[in-house]
Amino acid sequence: MRAATREQRGWYWYDWANSVFTTSVTTVFLGPYLTDVAETAAGGPDGTLHPLGIPVSPESVFPYLLSLSALVQVLVLPVVGAVADRTRRKRELLGGFAYVGALATAGLALVAGGDYLLGAGLFFLANTCFGASIVVYYSWLPEIAGPDERDEVSSRGWAWGYLGGGLLLLINLGIFLNAGALGLSEGDAVRICFLSVAAWWAAFTVIPLRRLRNRPAPAGAAPAGTVGSFRQLAATLRSLRQYPQTMLFLAAYLLFNDGIQTVIGLAAQYGDRELELSQTVLISTILLVQFVAFGGALLLGRIAARVGAKRTVQGSLLVWIAVVCLAFGVQKGSAVQFYVLGAAIGVVLGGTQALTRSLFGQMTPVGKEAEYYGLYEISDKGTSWLGTLAFGLALQFTDSYRIAIVSLVVFFVAGFLLLSRVDVRRAVAEARGEQPVLL
């Protein structure tokens, strides 16, 4: 087996390892579970919580938690990228962040009663480590794949991740639906699911750690050092002006992917609280999305090979706009309508994310991949903040989940318009001096 192919296959396994955190924790179980815990803690006459003296609706705790976690990552993740590029110890950093994140996820099994602050703190730590590990992981893509194979490699990795996330979710679904027969309460079943995610994440991370390798810094790179990484980050932010098309693409991505991550992260809460769907319907819909997304990522990868990644992503954004608008009108209790929307999301979900990941990799300067992916990751898996903030505010001030969900259209429309202005070929030539055949 070629060394490059071995690394690529090892790289796929971290998608398989980490996707269970997004699927089973962020998307399915933690939102409804933490909301129930927060409602138990809200014993005041007005039914609200007062962390740090600030009145917060129990139903808004999880959206606000996602936003707070992401805001901190806006500051942390670019620094992680700078450290990774300067120290060139990516394997060690990937392992450290993955295992601390898995440990914090296991700690969620301790959350019960009204311990919403404990749950919030553990998720905050796990989500931050998750995002940091993703920055390091993504930065390998330009190193292990040539310019004309990055879309395919990225799509396969993302498809592999959805398959892994779907398989563990299927197991967790079996535990949750059969909790009574197993002598468990629903809360016990959810806590077991948190433990399963931690074990899966930790165990399968071993494979990429064994197969991926560190690479020496490019000639002329600054010497290693964490303190110097802060100065390097400031220099990277200034250097963005030298790559205006990369900066424009990043702005477009931050907008439309913020919408994507908000839909993914809050779909279960929307279906539970507004549509009054059972947990069985909600979890099975997410399961449907996972397996459809496996095929969707591969399908959109093939479409991109014919028409280009940018056009394929633009087409997928039109589907996202339609899905959010249709979600506004889904009837209460209609499992069929919810399943249809889930299938539509699955077709475009994996492909949209995989192709934007590889497109951005084409636009990163050589030797600064992790730094630039640190900027990219502030709106990637589970790190949305503008979207969740908009959703939370709309929910708190209108008391309407439907208005909150449809408010997300603006992120997809604005992202589409900005993406249409990006000259991808020029961006790749400016950043890496490469000329891929099809973009």
Protein backbone atom coordinates (compact mmCIF):
# COMPACT_ATOMS: atom_id res chain seq x y z
CA MET A 1 0.00 0.00 0.00
CA ARG A 2 1.35 3.43 -0.89
CA ALA A 3 2.25 5.53 2.15
CA ALA A 4 -0.13 8.27 0.96
CA THR A 5 -3.02 5.82 0.62
CA ARG A 6 -2.31 4.36 4.05
CA GLU A 7 -2.40 7.84 5.56
CA GLN A 8 -5.60 8.71 3.73
CA ARG A 9 -7.32 5.62 5.06
CA GLY A 10 -6.04 6.32 8.53
CA TRP A 11 -7.30 9.89 8.19
CA TYR A 12 -10.82 8.64 7.37
CA TRP A 13 -10.94 6.86 10.72
CA TYR A 14 -10.93 10.08 12.71
CA ASP A 15 -14.12 11.12 10.90
CA TRP A 16 -15.49 7.73 11.99
CA ALA A 17 -14.25 8.29 15.58
CA ASN A 18 -15.41 11.87 16.21
CA SER A 19 -18.71 12.03 14.33
CA VAL A 20 -20.48 10.15 17.12
CA PHE A 21 -20.03 13.19 19.37
CA THR A 22 -21.92 15.43 16.94
CA THR A 23 -24.55 12.81 16.18
CA SER A 24 -25.42 11.22 19.51
CA VAL A 25 -24.48 14.04 21.91
CA THR A 26 -24.91 17.44 20.23
CA THR A 27 -27.66 16.55 17.76
CA VAL A 28 -29.84 13.97 19.51
CA PHE A 29 -29.54 13.37 23.22
CA LEU A 30 -27.99 16.32 25.03
CA GLY A 31 -30.39 19.07 23.89
CA PRO A 32 -33.61 17.48 25.19
CA TYR A 33 -31.84 15.93 28.19
CA LEU A 34 -30.16 19.15 29.34
CA THR A 35 -33.42 21.05 28.80
CA ASP A 36 -35.20 18.60 31.14
CA VAL A 37 -32.40 18.99 33.71
CA ALA A 38 -32.64 22.80 33.44
CA GLU A 39 -36.41 22.69 33.89
CA THR A 40 -35.92 20.64 37.07
CA ALA A 41 -33.49 23.29 38.33
CA ALA A 42 -35.87 26.18 37.51
CA GLY A 43 -37.73 26.26 40.80
CA GLY A 44 -38.45 30.00 40.89
CA PRO A 45 -41.95 31.45 40.58
CA ASP A 46 -41.28 32.68 37.04
CA GLY A 47 -39.92 29.31 35.89
CA THR A 48 -36.58 30.77 34.80
CA LEU A 49 -32.97 30.14 35.72
CA HIS A 50 -30.59 32.84 36.96
CA PRO A 51 -26.96 31.86 36.28
CA LEU A 52 -24.78 34.83 37.30
CA GLY A 53 -28.02 36.70 38.00
CA ILE A 54 -29.11 36.62 34.34
CA PRO A 55 -32.67 35.39 33.69
CA VAL A 56 -32.61 32.51 31.20
CA SER A 57 -35.45 30.33 29.96
CA PRO A 58 -34.70 26.61 30.51
CA GLU A 59 -35.49 25.96 26.83
CA SER A 60 -32.85 28.51 25.80
CA VAL A 61 -30.05 26.98 27.92
CA PHE A 62 -28.79 24.60 25.24
CA PRO A 63 -28.84 27.13 22.34
CA TYR A 64 -27.03 29.66 24.53
CA LEU A 65 -24.52 27.00 25.62
CA LEU A 66 -23.71 26.22 22.00
CA SER A 67 -23.21 29.92 21.31
CA LEU A 68 -20.98 30.49 24.35
CA SER A 69 -18.86 27.45 23.54
CA ALA A 70 -18.44 28.63 19.96
CA LEU A 71 -17.56 32.19 20.96
CA VAL A 72 -14.71 30.88 23.12
CA GLN A 73 -13.56 28.70 20.25
CA VAL A 74 -13.37 31.76 18.02
CA LEU A 75 -10.45 32.78 20.24
CA VAL A 76 -9.00 29.34 21.01
CA LEU A 77 -9.08 27.41 17.74
CA PRO A 78 -6.93 29.74 15.60
CA VAL A 79 -4.31 29.62 18.35
CA VAL A 80 -4.48 25.81 18.32
CA GLY A 81 -3.85 25.94 14.58
CA ALA A 82 -0.87 28.21 15.03
CA VAL A 83 0.60 25.90 17.69
CA ALA A 84 0.10 22.88 15.42
CA ASP A 85 1.84 24.55 12.48
CA ARG A 86 4.75 25.85 14.54
CA THR A 87 5.41 22.76 16.67
CA ARG A 88 4.59 20.27 13.86
CA ARG A 89 3.41 17.84 16.59
CA LYS A 90 0.01 17.23 15.11
CA ARG A 91 -0.30 13.61 16.19
CA GLU A 92 0.32 14.49 19.83
CA LEU A 93 -2.12 17.40 19.71
CA LEU A 94 -4.81 15.33 18.00
CA GLY A 95 -4.53 12.59 20.62
CA GLY A 96 -4.51 15.00 23.56
CA PHE A 97 -7.60 16.91 22.49
CA ALA A 98 -9.48 13.75 21.48
CA TYR A 99 -8.91 11.98 24.79
CA VAL A 100 -9.71 14.97 27.01
CA GLY A 101 -12.87 15.50 24.96
CA ALA A 102 -13.84 11.84 25.33
CA LEU A 103 -13.24 12.00 29.09
CA ALA A 104 -15.47 15.08 29.44
CA THR A 105 -18.15 13.33 27.38
CA ALA A 106 -18.01 10.37 29.75
CA GLY A 107 -18.48 12.84 32.60
CA LEU A 108 -21.90 13.80 31.18
CA ALA A 109 -23.13 10.48 32.58
CA LEU A 110 -22.85 12.10 36.04
CA VAL A 111 -25.38 14.83 35.17
CA ALA A 112 -28.78 14.24 36.80
CA GLY A 113 -31.48 16.04 38.75
CA GLY A 114 -30.98 19.78 38.44
CA ASP A 115 -27.23 19.72 37.72
CA TYR A 116 -27.53 21.75 34.53
CA LEU A 117 -24.38 23.77 35.30
CA LEU A 118 -22.33 20.58 35.61
CA GLY A 119 -23.72 19.40 32.29
CA ALA A 120 -23.03 22.76 30.69
CA GLY A 121 -19.44 22.81 31.95
CA LEU A 122 -18.65 19.28 30.79
CA PHE A 123 -20.17 19.85 27.37
CA PHE A 124 -18.27 23.13 27.10
CA LEU A 125 -14.98 21.31 27.71
CA ALA A 126 -15.85 18.38 25.42
CA ASN A 127 -17.02 20.64 22.57
CA THR A 128 -13.93 22.85 22.82
CA CYS A 129 -11.61 19.82 22.67
CA PHE A 130 -13.68 18.41 19.82
CA GLY A 131 -13.25 21.61 17.81
CA ALA A 132 -9.52 21.78 18.58
CA SER A 133 -8.99 18.19 17.44
CA ILE A 134 -10.85 18.91 14.21
CA VAL A 135 -8.55 21.86 13.43
CA VAL A 136 -5.51 19.59 13.67
CA TYR A 137 -7.24 16.78 11.78
CA TYR A 138 -8.37 18.95 8.85
CA SER A 139 -4.89 20.40 8.44
CA TRP A 140 -3.61 17.02 7.23
CA LEU A 141 -5.85 17.07 4.13
CA PRO A 142 -3.61 19.26 1.91
CA GLU A 143 -0.61 17.19 3.03
CA ILE A 144 -1.98 13.71 2.29
CA ALA A 145 -3.89 14.44 -0.96
CA GLY A 146 -2.98 16.21 -4.19
CA PRO A 147 -4.99 19.16 -5.52
CA ASP A 148 -7.18 17.06 -7.83
CA GLU A 149 -7.96 14.33 -5.29
CA ARG A 150 -8.83 16.43 -2.23
CA ASP A 151 -12.55 16.62 -3.02
CA GLU A 152 -12.73 12.84 -3.32
CA VAL A 153 -10.67 12.20 -0.17
CA SER A 154 -12.68 14.71 1.84
CA SER A 155 -15.99 13.28 0.61
CA ARG A 156 -14.96 9.73 1.48
CA GLY A 157 -13.86 10.83 4.95
CA TRP A 158 -17.13 12.62 5.59
CA ALA A 159 -19.14 9.66 4.30
CA TRP A 160 -17.14 7.36 6.58
CA GLY A 161 -17.94 9.66 9.50
CA TYR A 162 -21.68 9.58 8.83
CA LEU A 163 -21.59 5.80 8.63
CA GLY A 164 -19.80 5.54 11.99
CA GLY A 165 -22.08 8.10 13.61
CA GLY A 166 -25.12 6.29 12.25
CA LEU A 167 -24.02 2.88 13.49
CA LEU A 168 -23.45 4.03 17.07
CA LEU A 169 -26.70 6.00 16.98
CA LEU A 170 -28.46 2.80 15.90
CA ILE A 171 -27.02 1.03 18.94
CA ASN A 172 -27.99 3.93 21.21
CA LEU A 173 -31.47 3.99 19.70
CA GLY A 174 -31.86 0.32 20.61
CA ILE A 175 -30.83 1.06 24.21
CA PHE A 176 -33.12 4.07 24.50
CA LEU A 177 -36.20 2.44 22.98
CA ASN A 178 -35.79 -0.69 25.08
CA ALA A 179 -34.87 1.07 28.32
CA GLY A 180 -37.83 -0.37 30.20
CA ALA A 181 -37.13 -3.92 29.11
CA LEU A 182 -33.52 -3.47 30.17
CA GLY A 183 -34.56 -2.22 33.60
CA LEU A 184 -33.44 1.36 32.85
CA SER A 185 -35.11 4.73 33.02
CA GLU A 186 -34.90 7.01 29.97
CA GLY A 187 -32.37 9.13 31.85
CA ASP A 188 -30.24 6.07 32.57
CA ALA A 189 -30.37 5.11 28.88
CA VAL A 190 -29.23 8.58 27.81
CA ARG A 191 -26.35 8.52 30.28
CA ILE A 192 -25.25 5.12 28.92
CA CYS A 193 -25.31 6.66 25.45
CA PHE A 194 -22.93 9.40 26.64
CA LEU A 195 -20.55 6.70 27.89
CA SER A 196 -20.77 4.83 24.57
CA VAL A 197 -19.81 7.97 22.66
CA ALA A 198 -16.79 8.54 24.90
CA ALA A 199 -15.62 4.93 24.49
CA TRP A 200 -16.12 4.98 20.68
CA TRP A 201 -14.31 8.31 20.26
CA ALA A 202 -11.38 7.20 22.38
CA ALA A 203 -11.02 3.71 20.91
CA PHE A 204 -11.12 4.56 17.20
CA THR A 205 -8.81 7.56 17.58
CA VAL A 206 -6.00 5.01 17.99
CA ILE A 207 -6.09 4.20 14.26
CA PRO A 208 -5.34 7.69 12.86
CA LEU A 209 -2.75 8.21 15.59
CA ARG A 210 -0.92 5.10 14.35
CA ARG A 211 -1.14 5.91 10.63
CA LEU A 212 -0.82 9.68 10.30
CA ARG A 213 2.65 11.16 10.60
CA ASN A 214 4.11 14.49 11.58
CA ARG A 215 5.92 16.44 8.89
CA PRO A 216 8.81 18.87 9.21
CA ALA A 217 8.13 22.57 8.89
CA PRO A 218 8.60 24.11 5.43
CA ALA A 219 11.88 25.88 4.78
CA GLY A 220 11.92 29.34 6.30
CA ALA A 221 9.15 28.60 8.81
CA ALA A 222 9.29 30.31 12.20
CA PRO A 223 10.74 28.26 15.09
CA ALA A 224 8.39 26.28 17.32
CA GLY A 225 6.97 27.70 20.52
CA THR A 226 3.56 28.28 22.01
CA VAL A 227 4.19 31.92 22.96
CA GLY A 228 5.40 32.66 19.46
CA SER A 229 2.25 31.04 18.14
CA PHE A 230 0.21 33.98 19.41
CA ARG A 231 2.41 36.37 17.45
CA GLN A 232 2.19 34.07 14.45
CA LEU A 233 -1.61 34.07 14.71
CA ALA A 234 -1.63 37.87 14.60
CA ALA A 235 0.61 37.71 11.52
CA THR A 236 -1.74 35.16 9.93
CA LEU A 237 -4.74 37.40 10.47
CA ARG A 238 -2.86 40.27 8.84
CA SER A 239 -1.78 38.02 5.97
CA LEU A 240 -5.40 37.24 5.12
CA ARG A 241 -5.43 40.54 3.23
CA GLN A 242 -2.96 38.99 0.79
CA TYR A 243 -5.56 36.32 -0.03
CA PRO A 244 -8.80 38.27 -0.59
CA GLN A 245 -10.58 35.38 -2.30
CA THR A 246 -9.75 33.02 0.57
CA MET A 247 -11.05 35.61 3.01
CA LEU A 248 -14.26 36.01 0.99
CA PHE A 249 -14.77 32.24 0.89
CA LEU A 250 -14.21 32.04 4.65
CA ALA A 251 -16.84 34.75 5.23
CA ALA A 252 -19.34 32.90 3.03
CA TYR A 253 -18.64 29.63 4.81
CA LEU A 254 -19.01 31.12 8.28
CA LEU A 255 -22.48 32.32 7.32
CA PHE A 256 -24.00 29.33 5.56
CA ASN A 257 -22.36 26.71 7.77
CA ASP A 258 -23.57 28.56 10.83
CA GLY A 259 -27.05 27.93 9.49
CA ILE A 260 -26.26 24.27 8.82
CA GLN A 261 -24.85 23.68 12.30
CA THR A 262 -27.82 25.39 13.95
CA VAL A 263 -30.27 23.18 12.07
CA ILE A 264 -28.27 20.06 12.99
CA GLY A 265 -27.82 21.03 16.62
CA LEU A 266 -31.40 22.14 17.33
CA ALA A 267 -33.47 19.85 15.09
CA ALA A 268 -34.21 17.47 17.98
CA GLN A 269 -35.32 20.30 20.24
CA TYR A 270 -37.53 21.75 17.47
CA GLY A 271 -39.15 18.38 16.82
CA ASP A 272 -39.63 17.71 20.53
CA ARG A 273 -40.92 21.07 21.75
CA GLU A 274 -42.71 22.51 18.71
CA LEU A 275 -43.81 19.51 16.65
CA GLU A 276 -44.47 17.32 19.71
CA LEU A 277 -42.86 14.29 18.09
CA SER A 278 -41.82 11.30 20.14
CA GLN A 279 -38.20 10.59 20.95
CA THR A 280 -38.50 7.52 18.74
CA VAL A 281 -39.36 9.67 15.71
CA LEU A 282 -36.66 12.20 16.48
CA ILE A 283 -33.88 9.68 16.93
CA SER A 284 -34.94 7.58 13.95
CA THR A 285 -35.00 10.73 11.79
CA ILE A 286 -31.46 11.61 12.80
CA LEU A 287 -30.53 8.00 12.08
CA LEU A 288 -32.12 8.34 8.64
CA VAL A 289 -30.13 11.52 8.03
CA GLN A 290 -26.88 9.77 8.95
CA PHE A 291 -27.26 6.93 6.48
CA VAL A 292 -28.66 9.10 3.68
CA ALA A 293 -25.77 11.53 4.28
CA PHE A 294 -23.31 8.66 3.78
CA GLY A 295 -24.58 8.22 0.23
CA GLY A 296 -25.13 11.96 -0.22
CA ALA A 297 -21.50 12.78 0.51
CA LEU A 298 -20.33 10.27 -2.10
CA LEU A 299 -22.97 11.44 -4.60
CA LEU A 300 -22.09 15.13 -4.29
CA GLY A 301 -18.42 14.21 -4.52
CA ARG A 302 -19.10 12.60 -7.90
CA ILE A 303 -21.19 15.56 -9.04
CA ALA A 304 -18.35 17.89 -8.05
CA ALA A 305 -15.97 15.83 -10.19
CA ARG A 306 -18.16 16.75 -13.18
CA VAL A 307 -19.34 20.31 -12.56
CA GLY A 308 -16.91 21.56 -9.89
CA ALA A 309 -17.11 21.81 -6.12
CA LYS A 310 -18.24 25.44 -6.01
CA ARG A 311 -21.28 24.87 -8.25
CA THR A 312 -22.17 21.74 -6.32
CA VAL A 313 -22.08 23.60 -3.00
CA GLN A 314 -24.21 26.41 -4.42
CA GLY A 315 -26.82 23.91 -5.55
CA SER A 316 -26.87 22.31 -2.11
CA LEU A 317 -27.44 25.71 -0.47
CA LEU A 318 -30.60 26.17 -2.53
CA VAL A 319 -31.83 22.87 -1.09
CA TRP A 320 -31.02 24.09 2.43
CA ILE A 321 -33.06 27.26 1.88
CA ALA A 322 -36.02 25.17 0.74
CA VAL A 323 -35.71 22.83 3.72
CA VAL A 324 -35.71 25.64 6.31
CA CYS A 325 -38.73 27.29 4.68
CA LEU A 326 -40.62 23.99 4.57
CA ALA A 327 -39.74 23.28 8.21
CA PHE A 328 -41.76 26.36 9.19
CA GLY A 329 -44.93 24.71 7.88
CA VAL A 330 -44.49 21.16 9.18
CA GLN A 331 -47.65 20.09 10.98
CA LYS A 332 -47.55 19.15 14.63
CA GLY A 333 -47.24 15.42 15.12
CA SER A 334 -46.49 14.73 11.45
CA ALA A 335 -43.72 12.17 11.52
CA VAL A 336 -43.92 11.64 7.75
CA GLN A 337 -43.22 15.32 6.97
CA PHE A 338 -40.34 15.33 9.43
CA TYR A 339 -38.86 12.20 7.81
CA VAL A 340 -39.09 13.80 4.35
CA LEU A 341 -37.24 16.89 5.54
CA GLY A 342 -34.65 14.66 7.20
CA ALA A 343 -34.05 12.76 3.95
CA ALA A 344 -33.62 16.02 2.02
CA ILE A 345 -31.11 17.25 4.59
CA GLY A 346 -29.22 13.97 4.39
CA VAL A 347 -28.72 14.24 0.63
CA VAL A 348 -26.95 17.60 0.85
CA LEU A 349 -25.53 17.59 4.39
CA GLY A 350 -22.39 15.51 4.01
CA GLY A 351 -21.56 16.74 0.53
CA THR A 352 -21.87 20.41 1.47
CA GLN A 353 -19.49 20.03 4.39
CA ALA A 354 -17.03 17.70 2.67
CA LEU A 355 -16.68 19.88 -0.42
CA THR A 356 -16.28 23.11 1.51
CA ARG A 357 -13.61 21.39 3.64
CA SER A 358 -11.63 20.39 0.56
CA LEU A 359 -12.22 23.71 -1.23
CA PHE A 360 -10.83 25.62 1.71
CA GLY A 361 -7.85 23.26 1.85
CA GLN A 362 -7.05 24.33 -1.72
CA MET A 363 -6.91 27.96 -0.54
CA THR A 364 -4.61 27.55 2.48
CA PRO A 365 -0.98 28.74 2.14
CA VAL A 366 1.62 25.97 2.34
CA GLY A 367 2.82 25.43 5.91
CA LYS A 368 -0.11 27.34 7.42
CA GLU A 369 -2.84 24.75 6.92
CA ALA A 370 -3.67 24.31 10.62
CA GLU A 371 -3.70 28.06 11.27
CA TYR A 372 -6.17 28.64 8.47
CA TYR A 373 -8.28 25.66 9.45
CA GLY A 374 -8.36 27.17 12.93
CA LEU A 375 -10.18 30.13 11.40
CA TYR A 376 -12.35 27.79 9.33
CA GLU A 377 -13.34 25.60 12.27
CA ILE A 378 -14.92 28.45 14.26
CA SER A 379 -18.09 27.60 12.34
CA ASP A 380 -17.66 23.91 11.69
CA LYS A 381 -19.08 20.85 13.44
CA GLY A 382 -20.97 21.96 16.53
CA THR A 383 -19.34 25.40 16.78
CA SER A 384 -22.06 27.59 15.32
CA TRP A 385 -22.71 30.72 17.35
CA LEU A 386 -24.51 33.36 15.31
CA GLY A 387 -27.16 30.89 14.21
CA THR A 388 -27.77 29.45 17.67
CA LEU A 389 -27.79 32.95 19.15
CA ALA A 390 -30.36 34.10 16.59
CA PHE A 391 -32.44 30.99 17.25
CA GLY A 392 -32.26 31.45 21.03
CA LEU A 393 -33.15 35.14 20.89
CA ALA A 394 -36.02 34.57 18.47
CA LEU A 395 -37.34 31.82 20.72
CA GLN A 396 -37.05 33.85 23.90
CA PHE A 397 -38.68 37.01 22.49
CA THR A 398 -41.40 35.44 20.31
CA ASP A 399 -41.94 32.14 22.16
CA SER A 400 -42.21 30.57 18.69
CA TYR A 401 -39.97 27.77 17.49
CA ARG A 402 -41.31 28.27 13.96
CA ILE A 403 -40.15 31.88 13.77
CA ALA A 404 -36.83 30.80 15.29
CA ILE A 405 -36.24 28.12 12.64
CA VAL A 406 -37.24 30.23 9.65
CA SER A 407 -34.97 33.06 10.84
CA LEU A 408 -32.05 30.86 9.78
CA VAL A 409 -32.82 31.44 6.07
CA VAL A 410 -30.81 34.64 6.16
CA PHE A 411 -27.59 32.70 6.85
CA PHE A 412 -28.02 30.47 3.79
CA VAL A 413 -28.99 33.33 1.48
CA ALA A 414 -26.13 35.57 2.60
CA GLY A 415 -23.65 32.69 2.35
CA PHE A 416 -24.84 31.80 -1.15
CA LEU A 417 -24.46 35.39 -2.36
CA LEU A 418 -20.94 35.72 -0.96
CA LEU A 419 -19.88 32.33 -2.34
CA SER A 420 -21.05 33.34 -5.82
CA ARG A 421 -18.45 36.14 -5.75
CA VAL A 422 -15.49 33.88 -4.91
CA ASP A 423 -12.99 33.25 -7.72
CA VAL A 424 -11.83 29.81 -6.56
CA ARG A 425 -9.16 29.31 -9.23
CA ARG A 426 -7.57 32.64 -8.39
CA ALA A 427 -7.68 31.81 -4.67
CA VAL A 428 -5.88 28.49 -5.19
CA ALA A 429 -3.21 30.07 -7.38
CA GLU A 430 -2.59 32.86 -4.86
CA ALA A 431 -2.36 30.59 -1.83
CA ARG A 432 -0.66 27.41 -3.06
CA GLY A 433 0.53 28.10 -6.61
CA GLU A 434 -1.51 25.11 -7.86
CA GLN A 435 -3.84 24.78 -10.82
CA PRO A 436 -6.35 21.94 -10.25
CA VAL A 437 -8.18 20.76 -13.35
CA LEU A 438 -11.69 21.29 -11.97
CA LEU A 439 -12.90 23.59 -9.21
